[in-house]
Amino acid sequence: MTKVIVAGFTGAMGQKAVHLVEETEGYELVAGFAGGLTSLNPADYNLPATVKVFDDLDQIETDADIWIDFTLPSAVYANTKFAIEHGIHPVIGTTGLTDAQVAELQQLASAKQLGGLIAPNFGMSAVLLMKFAQEAAKYFPDVEIIEMHHDNKADAPSGTALSTAKLIDEVRPEHEQGNPDETESLAGVRGGDYHGIHIHAVRLPGYVAHEQVLFGGPGEALTIRQDSFDRQSFMTGVKVAMDHVESLHELVVGLENVL
């Protein structure tokens, strides 16, 4: 039986992860972690009495094999480091880690010979969008990204959009995109800039998680879009990560690494 702790278990994604673990044969939920709790009684969260509840990282004592994280950008680095240092395979769905933090965590995991996964997105459609966008960028180097999320999302741009830009940047021919004399009459109207790739973040109620990548060329254009209408769709990817993370020997970024 593989034992799992869910960090951020009281949130929307955390709750779905809890249900996934509870409903999946071969896995056992042994602990839940979230900051700012008013009670540490598992019954108050409709959890079995055997599940330990923690609200302080330093107080966690668990024999969990896998750490599933759906918390906050401000907490994810410390959480992931804690998991690695305690020999727990991290499955990280929280965005907000910097490149430097990821590199440091990868070094730590390598020293421990511990496998883990950081997934900018667990949606299969999003993973495929990134794969297709990277392929298209070889032929359409002029590109912009629009990502749309619910208005409670804490970080911008989304981890998926930033990962998409990084994958595109790996393959697209080096060139100057757009008008070199361009000016903004409204500051920031052209969005964020990742190595010349503009990223635009939309935050509105009613949205869940959506992204489109727009490519332009002489006389033609290509748009690749994915839509996640329900958070339950992400659980397919979480299940894939759970099934494969213990066989990894390093901390990898991207669900495509275990597909």
Protein backbone atom coordinates (compact mmCIF):
# COMPACT_ATOMS: atom_id res chain seq x y z
CA MET A 1 0.00 0.00 0.00
CA THR A 2 1.42 3.36 -1.06
CA LYS A 3 0.90 6.05 1.58
CA VAL A 4 0.07 9.62 0.58
CA ILE A 5 0.00 13.03 2.26
CA VAL A 6 -1.95 15.82 0.54
CA ALA A 7 -0.72 19.37 1.18
CA GLY A 8 -3.42 21.97 0.68
CA PHE A 9 -6.04 19.30 1.34
CA THR A 10 -8.77 21.84 2.21
CA GLY A 11 -8.59 23.66 -1.13
CA ALA A 12 -10.54 22.92 -4.29
CA MET A 13 -7.76 20.91 -5.93
CA GLY A 14 -6.64 19.41 -2.63
CA GLN A 15 -10.11 18.05 -1.97
CA LYS A 16 -10.19 16.34 -5.35
CA ALA A 17 -6.74 14.88 -4.69
CA VAL A 18 -7.98 13.54 -1.34
CA HIS A 19 -10.92 11.84 -3.02
CA LEU A 20 -8.65 10.45 -5.73
CA VAL A 21 -6.34 8.85 -3.17
CA GLU A 22 -9.24 7.49 -1.14
CA GLU A 23 -10.91 5.99 -4.19
CA THR A 24 -7.81 4.51 -5.84
CA GLU A 25 -6.86 0.94 -5.03
CA GLY A 26 -3.34 0.52 -3.71
CA TYR A 27 -3.15 3.99 -2.15
CA GLU A 28 -3.85 5.15 1.40
CA LEU A 29 -4.32 8.72 2.63
CA VAL A 30 -2.29 8.99 5.82
CA ALA A 31 -2.07 12.75 6.35
CA GLY A 32 -3.33 16.15 5.30
CA PHE A 33 -1.50 19.46 5.62
CA ALA A 34 -2.80 23.01 5.28
CA GLY A 35 -1.97 26.30 6.90
CA GLY A 36 -4.38 28.29 9.04
CA LEU A 37 -6.57 25.40 10.17
CA THR A 38 -9.00 25.93 13.05
CA SER A 39 -8.98 22.26 14.01
CA LEU A 40 -6.64 19.28 13.77
CA ASN A 41 -9.48 16.78 14.18
CA PRO A 42 -9.75 14.72 10.97
CA ALA A 43 -13.49 14.24 11.56
CA ASP A 44 -14.00 17.98 11.02
CA TYR A 45 -12.82 17.48 7.44
CA ASN A 46 -14.74 14.24 6.84
CA LEU A 47 -11.51 12.27 7.02
CA PRO A 48 -11.01 8.88 8.68
CA ALA A 49 -9.67 8.94 12.25
CA THR A 50 -6.46 7.30 10.99
CA VAL A 51 -5.55 10.39 8.92
CA LYS A 52 -3.25 12.83 10.70
CA VAL A 53 -3.93 16.53 10.17
CA PHE A 54 -1.19 19.17 10.38
CA ASP A 55 -1.14 22.96 10.03
CA ASP A 56 2.57 23.52 10.69
CA LEU A 57 5.27 22.18 8.37
CA ASP A 58 7.69 21.71 11.25
CA GLN A 59 5.18 19.54 13.13
CA ILE A 60 4.62 17.00 10.36
CA GLU A 61 5.46 13.42 11.28
CA THR A 62 4.45 10.92 8.64
CA ASP A 63 5.52 7.71 6.94
CA ALA A 64 4.02 8.85 3.63
CA ASP A 65 5.65 7.71 0.40
CA ILE A 66 4.19 10.46 -1.82
CA TRP A 67 3.60 14.16 -1.13
CA ILE A 68 0.88 15.71 -3.33
CA ASP A 69 1.00 19.51 -3.22
CA PHE A 70 -1.80 21.89 -4.16
CA THR A 71 -1.00 24.83 -1.89
CA LEU A 72 0.18 28.37 -2.63
CA PRO A 73 3.10 29.83 -4.62
CA SER A 74 4.45 31.32 -1.38
CA ALA A 75 4.57 27.89 0.30
CA VAL A 76 5.45 25.44 -2.46
CA TYR A 77 9.25 25.78 -2.28
CA ALA A 78 9.42 25.08 1.47
CA ASN A 79 6.92 22.25 1.11
CA THR A 80 8.82 20.55 -1.71
CA LYS A 81 12.13 20.92 0.11
CA PHE A 82 10.58 19.39 3.25
CA ALA A 83 9.25 16.42 1.28
CA ILE A 84 12.60 15.72 -0.38
CA GLU A 85 14.56 16.09 2.85
CA HIS A 86 12.24 13.56 4.50
CA GLY A 87 12.43 11.03 1.66
CA ILE A 88 8.89 11.62 0.39
CA HIS A 89 8.40 11.61 -3.40
CA PRO A 90 6.95 15.04 -4.29
CA VAL A 91 4.15 15.42 -6.84
CA ILE A 92 3.85 19.19 -7.15
CA GLY A 93 0.85 20.80 -8.81
CA THR A 94 1.39 24.22 -7.22
CA THR A 95 2.94 26.80 -9.54
CA GLY A 96 5.22 29.69 -8.61
CA LEU A 97 8.63 28.03 -8.27
CA THR A 98 11.44 30.06 -9.86
CA ASP A 99 14.00 28.45 -12.17
CA ALA A 100 16.61 28.85 -9.45
CA GLN A 101 14.39 27.15 -6.87
CA VAL A 102 13.67 24.26 -9.23
CA ALA A 103 17.39 23.81 -9.90
CA GLU A 104 18.13 23.79 -6.17
CA LEU A 105 15.38 21.26 -5.47
CA GLN A 106 16.62 19.06 -8.31
CA GLN A 107 20.12 19.07 -6.82
CA LEU A 108 18.69 18.15 -3.42
CA ALA A 109 16.62 15.32 -4.90
CA SER A 110 19.61 14.06 -6.87
CA ALA A 111 21.71 13.95 -3.71
CA LYS A 112 18.95 11.92 -2.06
CA GLN A 113 18.47 9.81 -5.23
CA LEU A 114 14.78 10.56 -4.84
CA GLY A 115 12.34 10.83 -7.74
CA GLY A 116 9.69 13.51 -7.95
CA LEU A 117 7.54 15.47 -10.38
CA ILE A 118 6.75 19.15 -10.77
CA ALA A 119 3.80 19.52 -13.14
CA PRO A 120 2.85 22.98 -14.44
CA ASN A 121 -0.43 21.34 -15.46
CA PHE A 122 -1.95 17.91 -14.85
CA GLY A 123 -4.48 18.28 -17.66
CA MET A 124 -3.79 15.97 -20.58
CA SER A 125 -5.04 18.62 -23.03
CA ALA A 126 -2.60 21.16 -21.59
CA VAL A 127 0.32 18.74 -21.82
CA LEU A 128 -0.52 18.06 -25.45
CA LEU A 129 -0.92 21.78 -26.17
CA MET A 130 2.63 22.39 -24.94
CA LYS A 131 3.93 19.52 -27.04
CA PHE A 132 2.12 20.71 -30.19
CA ALA A 133 3.14 24.35 -29.61
CA GLN A 134 6.81 23.41 -29.40
CA GLU A 135 6.54 21.54 -32.69
CA ALA A 136 4.72 24.44 -34.41
CA ALA A 137 7.29 26.98 -33.21
CA LYS A 138 9.91 25.42 -35.48
CA TYR A 139 7.88 26.70 -38.42
CA PHE A 140 6.12 29.73 -36.89
CA PRO A 141 8.64 31.61 -34.74
CA ASP A 142 6.30 34.60 -34.23
CA VAL A 143 4.08 33.68 -31.32
CA GLU A 144 2.09 35.05 -28.41
CA ILE A 145 0.35 33.26 -25.54
CA ILE A 146 -2.94 34.06 -23.84
CA GLU A 147 -3.83 32.22 -20.64
CA MET A 148 -7.20 32.56 -18.90
CA HIS A 149 -7.94 31.48 -15.33
CA HIS A 150 -10.41 31.99 -12.51
CA ASP A 151 -10.14 35.24 -10.59
CA ASN A 152 -8.85 33.56 -7.41
CA LYS A 153 -5.61 32.37 -9.01
CA ALA A 154 -2.72 33.80 -6.99
CA ASP A 155 0.07 33.93 -9.59
CA ALA A 156 0.45 35.26 -13.11
CA PRO A 157 1.36 34.14 -15.63
CA SER A 158 0.24 30.56 -15.09
CA GLY A 159 2.88 27.89 -14.78
CA THR A 160 1.51 26.28 -17.93
CA ALA A 161 1.87 29.46 -19.99
CA LEU A 162 5.41 30.05 -18.75
CA SER A 163 6.34 26.43 -19.44
CA THR A 164 4.86 26.75 -22.93
CA ALA A 165 7.01 29.82 -23.58
CA LYS A 166 10.12 28.02 -22.35
CA LEU A 167 9.48 25.01 -24.59
CA ILE A 168 8.89 27.29 -27.58
CA ASP A 169 12.04 29.27 -26.80
CA GLU A 170 14.10 26.06 -26.93
CA VAL A 171 13.33 25.47 -30.60
CA ARG A 172 12.25 28.64 -32.37
CA PRO A 173 14.80 30.41 -34.55
CA GLU A 174 16.38 33.41 -32.88
CA HIS A 175 14.93 36.61 -34.27
CA GLU A 176 13.34 39.94 -33.32
CA GLN A 177 9.56 39.68 -33.18
CA GLY A 178 7.21 42.60 -33.80
CA ASN A 179 7.85 46.27 -34.44
CA PRO A 180 11.19 47.42 -32.96
CA ASP A 181 9.75 50.95 -32.63
CA GLU A 182 6.63 49.82 -30.77
CA THR A 183 5.44 51.97 -27.87
CA GLU A 184 2.80 51.43 -25.19
CA SER A 185 0.35 54.24 -24.51
CA LEU A 186 -0.89 52.12 -21.60
CA ALA A 187 1.92 50.49 -19.59
CA GLY A 188 1.90 46.70 -19.70
CA VAL A 189 -0.69 46.45 -22.46
CA ARG A 190 1.55 44.10 -24.46
CA GLY A 191 1.74 41.66 -21.55
CA GLY A 192 4.74 39.97 -20.01
CA ASP A 193 7.83 39.24 -22.06
CA TYR A 194 9.71 35.94 -21.92
CA HIS A 195 12.67 36.16 -24.32
CA GLY A 196 10.53 38.08 -26.80
CA ILE A 197 7.42 35.92 -26.38
CA HIS A 198 4.53 37.98 -25.05
CA ILE A 199 2.29 36.33 -22.45
CA HIS A 200 -1.11 37.76 -21.57
CA ALA A 201 -2.92 36.70 -18.37
CA VAL A 202 -6.71 36.96 -18.02
CA ARG A 203 -8.41 36.56 -14.62
CA LEU A 204 -12.21 36.33 -14.62
CA PRO A 205 -14.93 34.55 -12.64
CA GLY A 206 -16.44 31.58 -14.46
CA TYR A 207 -13.16 30.48 -15.97
CA VAL A 208 -11.19 27.48 -14.72
CA ALA A 209 -7.98 27.04 -16.78
CA HIS A 210 -7.56 27.84 -20.47
CA GLU A 211 -4.69 28.66 -22.80
CA GLN A 212 -4.23 29.53 -26.43
CA VAL A 213 -1.01 29.89 -28.36
CA LEU A 214 -1.21 32.15 -31.41
CA PHE A 215 1.28 31.75 -34.24
CA GLY A 216 1.50 34.18 -37.15
CA GLY A 217 3.21 33.93 -40.52
CA PRO A 218 3.00 35.62 -43.93
CA GLY A 219 -0.61 35.26 -45.04
CA GLU A 220 -1.57 32.63 -42.45
CA ALA A 221 -2.01 31.97 -38.75
CA LEU A 222 -2.28 28.99 -36.43
CA THR A 223 -4.02 28.87 -33.05
CA ILE A 224 -3.67 26.00 -30.59
CA ARG A 225 -6.08 26.09 -27.64
CA GLN A 226 -6.97 23.93 -24.66
CA ASP A 227 -9.79 24.32 -22.15
CA SER A 228 -10.18 22.76 -18.72
CA PHE A 229 -13.81 23.19 -17.70
CA ASP A 230 -13.70 21.15 -14.50
CA ARG A 231 -10.88 20.62 -11.99
CA GLN A 232 -11.73 16.93 -11.97
CA SER A 233 -10.03 16.71 -15.38
CA PHE A 234 -6.66 17.28 -13.66
CA MET A 235 -7.03 14.12 -11.59
CA THR A 236 -6.22 11.91 -14.59
CA GLY A 237 -2.75 13.44 -14.66
CA VAL A 238 -2.37 13.26 -10.87
CA LYS A 239 -3.17 9.54 -11.02
CA VAL A 240 -0.51 9.07 -13.73
CA ALA A 241 2.00 10.91 -11.53
CA MET A 242 1.13 8.80 -8.48
CA ASP A 243 1.60 5.61 -10.47
CA HIS A 244 5.03 6.56 -11.81
CA VAL A 245 6.75 8.93 -9.39
CA GLU A 246 8.28 6.22 -7.21
CA SER A 247 10.08 4.76 -10.23
CA LEU A 248 11.80 8.09 -10.98
CA HIS A 249 15.33 8.73 -9.75
CA GLU A 250 15.34 12.50 -10.17
CA LEU A 251 13.04 15.50 -9.84
CA VAL A 252 11.58 16.14 -13.29
CA VAL A 253 9.47 19.00 -14.60
CA GLY A 254 6.46 18.21 -16.77
CA LEU A 255 3.91 15.42 -16.79
CA GLU A 256 5.13 14.39 -20.24
CA ASN A 257 8.17 12.85 -18.52
CA VAL A 258 6.05 10.04 -17.07
CA LEU A 259 3.57 9.54 -19.91
